[in-house]
Amino acid sequence: MFNYDVNNLREGLSVVIQRNISADAFQWLQGHQVVDQLSFVKGAFVQMPRRVGKAKVVFSEAESQQLKHIRPGFTIDEWTTDRLCRVYLLVTKGSEEKDKNYQLIEDLFSAAEMNEQVALYSALPVLPFPELWGKRCAEGIRSNIGSVLEAIMYQNPYPAEQLDEAAWNQMVIKAFFTEKQISQIQGLDERANKELARILTDYARERQAAGRGVDPMLWYLVAKFVDEPVLDAMKRGFF
């Protein structure tokens, strides 16, 4: 069900959370672990900012490395307390019942405002039954909300692990079009492919024809698939 030790992740997140929110807020959050009702979880998800605040999460390098060891690629860098606690709540509600998990996450997505969407997409790599959320991830890539796109693209191992080639290519292309930090995307080397290189080369030519440059990371992604047209575009980009 989970592709990591969920109990260790819960414990690691709990230690960080307890240091970043008040004792009353932590008690409230812990109380929601023992109630197994969808309406109760949904209510807690909505109330989270008011209960735990929205301050930037503070944690040590050792804690960061521990989380990455438990769930490779997973990070809480630059997260806020409400985002972290929402993800933690979803991890604690992880169930062996596939249909129950699907219904909960789908219901949350359907009603989610922007910050709730950010938390949901951030939670994808630690949700049970990861194969269920590929379509949701691909749908998020079509969003025009910058913070939602960054939750999917930045330091998130889920897209590289679960998206099919078409959806992966769409995400990378969207990152270039929206001028995101390409280096923050995990799995670029492993998911490089000829079709993506072709599309990016066409994009570079269009930019060059308009007298505009491209992010140098583009050439890094197409380098494995260099042919005559790609080499010509690269020369135009560098010289």
C-alpha atoms as a PDB file:
ATOM      1  CA  MET A   1       0.000   0.000   0.000  1.00  0.00           C
ATOM      2  CA  PHE A   2       2.643   2.511   1.089  1.00  0.00           C
ATOM      3  CA  ASN A   3       6.071   2.438  -0.550  1.00  0.00           C
ATOM      4  CA  TYR A   4       7.764   3.661   2.645  1.00  0.00           C
ATOM      5  CA  ASP A   5       7.538   3.155   6.418  1.00  0.00           C
ATOM      6  CA  VAL A   6       4.438   5.194   7.185  1.00  0.00           C
ATOM      7  CA  ASN A   7       4.831   4.926  10.967  1.00  0.00           C
ATOM      8  CA  ASN A   8       8.324   6.406  10.826  1.00  0.00           C
ATOM      9  CA  LEU A   9       7.079   9.236   8.619  1.00  0.00           C
ATOM     10  CA  ARG A  10       4.220  10.001  10.970  1.00  0.00           C
ATOM     11  CA  GLU A  11       6.604  10.112  13.898  1.00  0.00           C
ATOM     12  CA  GLY A  12       9.099  12.325  12.046  1.00  0.00           C
ATOM     13  CA  LEU A  13       6.413  14.775  10.974  1.00  0.00           C
ATOM     14  CA  SER A  14       4.888  14.780  14.442  1.00  0.00           C
ATOM     15  CA  VAL A  15       8.181  15.857  16.031  1.00  0.00           C
ATOM     16  CA  VAL A  16       8.502  18.790  13.635  1.00  0.00           C
ATOM     17  CA  ILE A  17       4.870  19.809  14.005  1.00  0.00           C
ATOM     18  CA  GLN A  18       4.917  19.739  17.799  1.00  0.00           C
ATOM     19  CA  ARG A  19       7.753  22.242  17.807  1.00  0.00           C
ATOM     20  CA  ASN A  20       6.043  24.563  15.318  1.00  0.00           C
ATOM     21  CA  ILE A  21       2.523  24.902  16.719  1.00  0.00           C
ATOM     22  CA  SER A  22       1.001  25.508  20.137  1.00  0.00           C
ATOM     23  CA  ALA A  23       0.306  22.699  22.580  1.00  0.00           C
ATOM     24  CA  ASP A  24      -3.456  23.259  22.209  1.00  0.00           C
ATOM     25  CA  ALA A  25      -3.220  23.118  18.427  1.00  0.00           C
ATOM     26  CA  PHE A  26      -1.169  19.933  18.563  1.00  0.00           C
ATOM     27  CA  GLN A  27      -3.695  18.320  20.915  1.00  0.00           C
ATOM     28  CA  TRP A  28      -6.492  19.280  18.535  1.00  0.00           C
ATOM     29  CA  LEU A  29      -4.587  17.803  15.584  1.00  0.00           C
ATOM     30  CA  GLN A  30      -3.823  14.568  17.449  1.00  0.00           C
ATOM     31  CA  GLY A  31      -7.474  14.215  18.330  1.00  0.00           C
ATOM     32  CA  HIS A  32      -8.383  14.007  14.664  1.00  0.00           C
ATOM     33  CA  GLN A  33      -6.263  10.901  14.189  1.00  0.00           C
ATOM     34  CA  VAL A  34      -8.666   8.743  16.175  1.00  0.00           C
ATOM     35  CA  VAL A  35     -11.914   9.782  14.491  1.00  0.00           C
ATOM     36  CA  ASP A  36     -12.545   7.817  11.325  1.00  0.00           C
ATOM     37  CA  GLN A  37     -15.344   9.844   9.725  1.00  0.00           C
ATOM     38  CA  LEU A  38     -14.977  11.563   6.364  1.00  0.00           C
ATOM     39  CA  SER A  39     -16.942  14.612   7.462  1.00  0.00           C
ATOM     40  CA  PHE A  40     -14.668  15.024  10.498  1.00  0.00           C
ATOM     41  CA  VAL A  41     -11.519  14.858   8.363  1.00  0.00           C
ATOM     42  CA  LYS A  42     -12.949  17.331   5.837  1.00  0.00           C
ATOM     43  CA  GLY A  43     -13.852  19.743   8.621  1.00  0.00           C
ATOM     44  CA  ALA A  44     -10.359  19.557  10.093  1.00  0.00           C
ATOM     45  CA  PHE A  45      -8.840  20.150   6.654  1.00  0.00           C
ATOM     46  CA  VAL A  46     -10.807  23.377   6.261  1.00  0.00           C
ATOM     47  CA  GLN A  47     -10.136  24.567   9.823  1.00  0.00           C
ATOM     48  CA  MET A  48      -6.395  23.913   9.698  1.00  0.00           C
ATOM     49  CA  PRO A  49      -5.069  27.487   9.129  1.00  0.00           C
ATOM     50  CA  ARG A  50      -7.188  28.865  11.961  1.00  0.00           C
ATOM     51  CA  ARG A  51      -6.145  26.087  14.320  1.00  0.00           C
ATOM     52  CA  VAL A  52      -2.404  25.728  13.604  1.00  0.00           C
ATOM     53  CA  GLY A  53      -1.482  29.001  11.884  1.00  0.00           C
ATOM     54  CA  LYS A  54       0.371  29.666   8.635  1.00  0.00           C
ATOM     55  CA  ALA A  55       3.911  30.352   9.814  1.00  0.00           C
ATOM     56  CA  LYS A  56       6.862  28.987   7.881  1.00  0.00           C
ATOM     57  CA  VAL A  57       7.911  25.611   9.267  1.00  0.00           C
ATOM     58  CA  VAL A  58      11.263  25.513  11.076  1.00  0.00           C
ATOM     59  CA  PHE A  59      13.182  22.234  11.179  1.00  0.00           C
ATOM     60  CA  SER A  60      16.748  20.992  11.391  1.00  0.00           C
ATOM     61  CA  GLU A  61      18.934  19.586   8.643  1.00  0.00           C
ATOM     62  CA  ALA A  62      18.950  16.265  10.492  1.00  0.00           C
ATOM     63  CA  GLU A  63      15.150  16.179  10.455  1.00  0.00           C
ATOM     64  CA  SER A  64      15.114  17.033   6.757  1.00  0.00           C
ATOM     65  CA  GLN A  65      17.522  14.211   5.992  1.00  0.00           C
ATOM     66  CA  GLN A  66      15.510  11.804   8.121  1.00  0.00           C
ATOM     67  CA  LEU A  67      12.333  12.532   6.147  1.00  0.00           C
ATOM     68  CA  LYS A  68      14.171  12.076   2.853  1.00  0.00           C
ATOM     69  CA  HIS A  69      15.577   8.793   4.129  1.00  0.00           C
ATOM     70  CA  ILE A  70      12.121   7.536   5.101  1.00  0.00           C
ATOM     71  CA  ARG A  71      10.497   8.672   1.863  1.00  0.00           C
ATOM     72  CA  PRO A  72      13.136   9.367  -0.826  1.00  0.00           C
ATOM     73  CA  GLY A  73      12.591  12.689  -2.545  1.00  0.00           C
ATOM     74  CA  PHE A  74      10.103  13.957   0.046  1.00  0.00           C
ATOM     75  CA  THR A  75      10.799  17.358   1.572  1.00  0.00           C
ATOM     76  CA  ILE A  76       8.938  19.981   3.592  1.00  0.00           C
ATOM     77  CA  ASP A  77      11.242  22.836   2.571  1.00  0.00           C
ATOM     78  CA  GLU A  78       9.459  26.209   2.443  1.00  0.00           C
ATOM     79  CA  TRP A  79       6.213  24.745   3.806  1.00  0.00           C
ATOM     80  CA  THR A  80       3.840  26.526   6.171  1.00  0.00           C
ATOM     81  CA  THR A  81       2.353  24.960   9.295  1.00  0.00           C
ATOM     82  CA  ASP A  82      -1.129  24.590   7.795  1.00  0.00           C
ATOM     83  CA  ARG A  83       0.300  22.839   4.730  1.00  0.00           C
ATOM     84  CA  LEU A  84       2.389  20.489   6.855  1.00  0.00           C
ATOM     85  CA  CYS A  85      -0.449  19.657   9.228  1.00  0.00           C
ATOM     86  CA  ARG A  86      -2.852  18.975   6.366  1.00  0.00           C
ATOM     87  CA  VAL A  87      -0.395  16.532   4.835  1.00  0.00           C
ATOM     88  CA  TYR A  88       0.202  14.961   8.245  1.00  0.00           C
ATOM     89  CA  LEU A  89      -3.544  14.508   8.729  1.00  0.00           C
ATOM     90  CA  LEU A  90      -3.798  12.701   5.395  1.00  0.00           C
ATOM     91  CA  VAL A  91      -0.882  10.436   6.298  1.00  0.00           C
ATOM     92  CA  THR A  92      -2.462   9.546   9.637  1.00  0.00           C
ATOM     93  CA  LYS A  93      -5.768   8.746   7.934  1.00  0.00           C
ATOM     94  CA  GLY A  94      -4.110   6.357   5.485  1.00  0.00           C
ATOM     95  CA  SER A  95      -6.303   3.278   5.250  1.00  0.00           C
ATOM     96  CA  GLU A  96      -5.962  -0.207   3.847  1.00  0.00           C
ATOM     97  CA  GLU A  97      -9.349   0.330   2.209  1.00  0.00           C
ATOM     98  CA  LYS A  98      -8.603   1.527  -1.306  1.00  0.00           C
ATOM     99  CA  ASP A  99     -12.106   2.812  -2.081  1.00  0.00           C
ATOM    100  CA  LYS A 100     -12.251   4.707   1.206  1.00  0.00           C
ATOM    101  CA  ASN A 101      -8.945   6.446   0.512  1.00  0.00           C
ATOM    102  CA  TYR A 102     -10.000   7.346  -2.992  1.00  0.00           C
ATOM    103  CA  GLN A 103     -13.316   8.810  -1.859  1.00  0.00           C
ATOM    104  CA  LEU A 104     -11.696  10.946   0.855  1.00  0.00           C
ATOM    105  CA  ILE A 105      -9.024  12.449  -1.396  1.00  0.00           C
ATOM    106  CA  GLU A 106     -11.417  13.002  -4.293  1.00  0.00           C
ATOM    107  CA  ASP A 107     -13.899  14.762  -2.025  1.00  0.00           C
ATOM    108  CA  LEU A 108     -11.148  16.996  -0.649  1.00  0.00           C
ATOM    109  CA  PHE A 109      -9.903  17.858  -4.136  1.00  0.00           C
ATOM    110  CA  SER A 110     -13.415  18.640  -5.350  1.00  0.00           C
ATOM    111  CA  ALA A 111     -13.975  21.243  -2.634  1.00  0.00           C
ATOM    112  CA  ALA A 112     -10.398  22.517  -2.246  1.00  0.00           C
ATOM    113  CA  GLU A 113      -9.471  26.181  -2.380  1.00  0.00           C
ATOM    114  CA  MET A 114      -5.971  27.209  -3.468  1.00  0.00           C
ATOM    115  CA  ASN A 115      -4.019  26.443  -0.280  1.00  0.00           C
ATOM    116  CA  GLU A 116      -5.894  23.190   0.211  1.00  0.00           C
ATOM    117  CA  GLN A 117      -4.942  22.179  -3.333  1.00  0.00           C
ATOM    118  CA  VAL A 118      -1.309  22.970  -2.541  1.00  0.00           C
ATOM    119  CA  ALA A 119      -1.442  20.620   0.456  1.00  0.00           C
ATOM    120  CA  LEU A 120      -3.187  17.869  -1.499  1.00  0.00           C
ATOM    121  CA  TYR A 121      -0.663  17.913  -4.339  1.00  0.00           C
ATOM    122  CA  SER A 122       2.156  18.071  -1.789  1.00  0.00           C
ATOM    123  CA  ALA A 123       0.735  14.937  -0.180  1.00  0.00           C
ATOM    124  CA  LEU A 124       0.744  12.839  -3.365  1.00  0.00           C
ATOM    125  CA  PRO A 125       4.103  11.146  -2.687  1.00  0.00           C
ATOM    126  CA  VAL A 126       3.004  10.024   0.784  1.00  0.00           C
ATOM    127  CA  LEU A 127      -0.584   8.962   0.089  1.00  0.00           C
ATOM    128  CA  PRO A 128      -1.455   5.262   0.063  1.00  0.00           C
ATOM    129  CA  PHE A 129      -2.180   3.635  -3.290  1.00  0.00           C
ATOM    130  CA  PRO A 130      -0.040   6.067  -5.336  1.00  0.00           C
ATOM    131  CA  GLU A 131      -1.345   4.635  -8.611  1.00  0.00           C
ATOM    132  CA  LEU A 132      -4.731   6.240  -7.894  1.00  0.00           C
ATOM    133  CA  TRP A 133      -3.591   9.844  -8.182  1.00  0.00           C
ATOM    134  CA  GLY A 134      -1.918  10.051 -11.596  1.00  0.00           C
ATOM    135  CA  LYS A 135      -4.976  11.591 -13.268  1.00  0.00           C
ATOM    136  CA  ARG A 136      -5.359  14.103 -10.450  1.00  0.00           C
ATOM    137  CA  CYS A 137      -1.721  15.082 -10.797  1.00  0.00           C
ATOM    138  CA  ALA A 138      -2.072  15.495 -14.571  1.00  0.00           C
ATOM    139  CA  GLU A 139      -5.169  17.622 -14.018  1.00  0.00           C
ATOM    140  CA  GLY A 140      -3.257  19.866 -11.608  1.00  0.00           C
ATOM    141  CA  ILE A 141      -0.656  20.550 -14.273  1.00  0.00           C
ATOM    142  CA  ARG A 142      -3.351  22.353 -16.260  1.00  0.00           C
ATOM    143  CA  SER A 143      -3.857  24.818 -13.399  1.00  0.00           C
ATOM    144  CA  ASN A 144      -2.990  28.483 -13.878  1.00  0.00           C
ATOM    145  CA  ILE A 145      -2.353  28.990 -10.152  1.00  0.00           C
ATOM    146  CA  GLY A 146       1.379  29.388  -9.576  1.00  0.00           C
ATOM    147  CA  SER A 147       1.477  27.943  -6.061  1.00  0.00           C
ATOM    148  CA  VAL A 148      -0.454  24.859  -7.162  1.00  0.00           C
ATOM    149  CA  LEU A 149       1.917  24.261 -10.072  1.00  0.00           C
ATOM    150  CA  GLU A 150       4.915  24.668  -7.783  1.00  0.00           C
ATOM    151  CA  ALA A 151       3.470  22.154  -5.298  1.00  0.00           C
ATOM    152  CA  ILE A 152       3.383  19.615  -8.126  1.00  0.00           C
ATOM    153  CA  MET A 153       6.649  20.561  -9.803  1.00  0.00           C
ATOM    154  CA  TYR A 154       9.030  21.586  -7.044  1.00  0.00           C
ATOM    155  CA  GLN A 155      10.807  18.923  -4.985  1.00  0.00           C
ATOM    156  CA  ASN A 156       7.960  16.467  -5.469  1.00  0.00           C
ATOM    157  CA  PRO A 157       8.946  12.899  -6.377  1.00  0.00           C
ATOM    158  CA  TYR A 158       5.432  11.862  -7.387  1.00  0.00           C
ATOM    159  CA  PRO A 159       5.313  13.150 -11.007  1.00  0.00           C
ATOM    160  CA  ALA A 160       8.536  11.406 -12.037  1.00  0.00           C
ATOM    161  CA  GLU A 161       7.400   8.184 -10.385  1.00  0.00           C
ATOM    162  CA  GLN A 162       3.787   8.001 -11.535  1.00  0.00           C
ATOM    163  CA  LEU A 163       3.001  10.192 -14.559  1.00  0.00           C
ATOM    164  CA  ASP A 164       2.931   8.634 -18.008  1.00  0.00           C
ATOM    165  CA  GLU A 165       5.200  10.131 -20.644  1.00  0.00           C
ATOM    166  CA  ALA A 166       2.596  12.476 -22.126  1.00  0.00           C
ATOM    167  CA  ALA A 167       1.656  13.963 -18.746  1.00  0.00           C
ATOM    168  CA  TRP A 168       5.312  14.198 -17.694  1.00  0.00           C
ATOM    169  CA  ASN A 169       6.203  16.045 -20.893  1.00  0.00           C
ATOM    170  CA  GLN A 170       3.259  18.369 -20.418  1.00  0.00           C
ATOM    171  CA  MET A 171       4.475  19.237 -16.923  1.00  0.00           C
ATOM    172  CA  VAL A 172       8.037  20.000 -18.027  1.00  0.00           C
ATOM    173  CA  ILE A 173       6.831  22.081 -20.974  1.00  0.00           C
ATOM    174  CA  LYS A 174       4.419  23.958 -18.698  1.00  0.00           C
ATOM    175  CA  ALA A 175       7.330  24.665 -16.350  1.00  0.00           C
ATOM    176  CA  PHE A 176       9.287  26.316 -19.170  1.00  0.00           C
ATOM    177  CA  PHE A 177       6.277  28.251 -20.419  1.00  0.00           C
ATOM    178  CA  THR A 178       5.496  29.601 -16.948  1.00  0.00           C
ATOM    179  CA  GLU A 179       9.181  30.282 -16.204  1.00  0.00           C
ATOM    180  CA  LYS A 180       9.394  27.970 -13.208  1.00  0.00           C
ATOM    181  CA  GLN A 181      12.687  26.846 -11.659  1.00  0.00           C
ATOM    182  CA  ILE A 182      13.341  23.766 -13.776  1.00  0.00           C
ATOM    183  CA  SER A 183      16.122  22.552 -11.497  1.00  0.00           C
ATOM    184  CA  GLN A 184      13.526  22.052  -8.738  1.00  0.00           C
ATOM    185  CA  ILE A 185      11.843  19.270 -10.711  1.00  0.00           C
ATOM    186  CA  GLN A 186      12.868  15.796  -9.600  1.00  0.00           C
ATOM    187  CA  GLY A 187      13.588  13.014 -12.076  1.00  0.00           C
ATOM    188  CA  LEU A 188      14.666  15.091 -15.069  1.00  0.00           C
ATOM    189  CA  ASP A 189      17.491  12.734 -16.020  1.00  0.00           C
ATOM    190  CA  GLU A 190      15.475   9.563 -15.544  1.00  0.00           C
ATOM    191  CA  ARG A 191      12.440  10.832 -17.470  1.00  0.00           C
ATOM    192  CA  ALA A 192      14.251  12.519 -20.361  1.00  0.00           C
ATOM    193  CA  ASN A 193      12.775  11.329 -23.665  1.00  0.00           C
ATOM    194  CA  LYS A 194      13.021  12.007 -27.377  1.00  0.00           C
ATOM    195  CA  GLU A 195       9.526  13.444 -27.760  1.00  0.00           C
ATOM    196  CA  LEU A 196      10.141  15.961 -24.976  1.00  0.00           C
ATOM    197  CA  ALA A 197      13.439  16.938 -26.610  1.00  0.00           C
ATOM    198  CA  ARG A 198      11.650  17.520 -29.916  1.00  0.00           C
ATOM    199  CA  ILE A 199       8.964  19.708 -28.359  1.00  0.00           C
ATOM    200  CA  LEU A 200      11.486  21.722 -26.366  1.00  0.00           C
ATOM    201  CA  THR A 201      13.639  22.241 -29.452  1.00  0.00           C
ATOM    202  CA  ASP A 202      10.617  23.586 -31.353  1.00  0.00           C
ATOM    203  CA  TYR A 203       9.867  25.856 -28.404  1.00  0.00           C
ATOM    204  CA  ALA A 204      13.478  27.113 -28.401  1.00  0.00           C
ATOM    205  CA  ARG A 205      13.302  27.895 -32.126  1.00  0.00           C
ATOM    206  CA  GLU A 206      10.123  29.900 -31.608  1.00  0.00           C
ATOM    207  CA  ARG A 207      11.778  31.872 -28.816  1.00  0.00           C
ATOM    208  CA  GLN A 208      14.887  32.465 -30.908  1.00  0.00           C
ATOM    209  CA  ALA A 209      12.813  33.643 -33.872  1.00  0.00           C
ATOM    210  CA  ALA A 210      11.183  36.192 -31.584  1.00  0.00           C
ATOM    211  CA  GLY A 211      14.565  37.364 -30.313  1.00  0.00           C
ATOM    212  CA  ARG A 212      14.061  35.819 -26.900  1.00  0.00           C
ATOM    213  CA  GLY A 213      16.297  33.452 -24.963  1.00  0.00           C
ATOM    214  CA  VAL A 214      15.517  30.184 -23.215  1.00  0.00           C
ATOM    215  CA  ASP A 215      16.378  28.730 -19.845  1.00  0.00           C
ATOM    216  CA  PRO A 216      19.761  26.937 -20.231  1.00  0.00           C
ATOM    217  CA  MET A 217      18.186  23.882 -18.564  1.00  0.00           C
ATOM    218  CA  LEU A 218      16.339  23.308 -21.825  1.00  0.00           C
ATOM    219  CA  TRP A 219      19.586  22.346 -23.573  1.00  0.00           C
ATOM    220  CA  TYR A 220      20.453  20.022 -20.720  1.00  0.00           C
ATOM    221  CA  LEU A 221      17.223  18.119 -21.313  1.00  0.00           C
ATOM    222  CA  VAL A 222      17.655  17.796 -25.069  1.00  0.00           C
ATOM    223  CA  ALA A 223      21.389  16.996 -25.025  1.00  0.00           C
ATOM    224  CA  LYS A 224      20.820  13.243 -24.930  1.00  0.00           C
ATOM    225  CA  PHE A 225      18.878  13.429 -28.178  1.00  0.00           C
ATOM    226  CA  VAL A 226      21.072  15.685 -30.294  1.00  0.00           C
ATOM    227  CA  ASP A 227      20.589  15.453 -34.064  1.00  0.00           C
ATOM    228  CA  GLU A 228      21.209  17.992 -36.800  1.00  0.00           C
ATOM    229  CA  PRO A 229      18.121  20.187 -36.142  1.00  0.00           C
ATOM    230  CA  VAL A 230      18.710  20.099 -32.381  1.00  0.00           C
ATOM    231  CA  LEU A 231      22.386  20.936 -32.802  1.00  0.00           C
ATOM    232  CA  ASP A 232      21.476  23.903 -35.001  1.00  0.00           C
ATOM    233  CA  ALA A 233      19.015  25.184 -32.404  1.00  0.00           C
ATOM    234  CA  MET A 234      21.602  24.749 -29.658  1.00  0.00           C
ATOM    235  CA  LYS A 235      24.185  26.739 -31.625  1.00  0.00           C
ATOM    236  CA  ARG A 236      21.679  29.533 -32.101  1.00  0.00           C
ATOM    237  CA  GLY A 237      20.988  29.477 -28.385  1.00  0.00           C
ATOM    238  CA  PHE A 238      24.602  29.643 -27.253  1.00  0.00           C
ATOM    239  CA  PHE A 239      26.349  31.699 -29.969  1.00  0.00           C
END
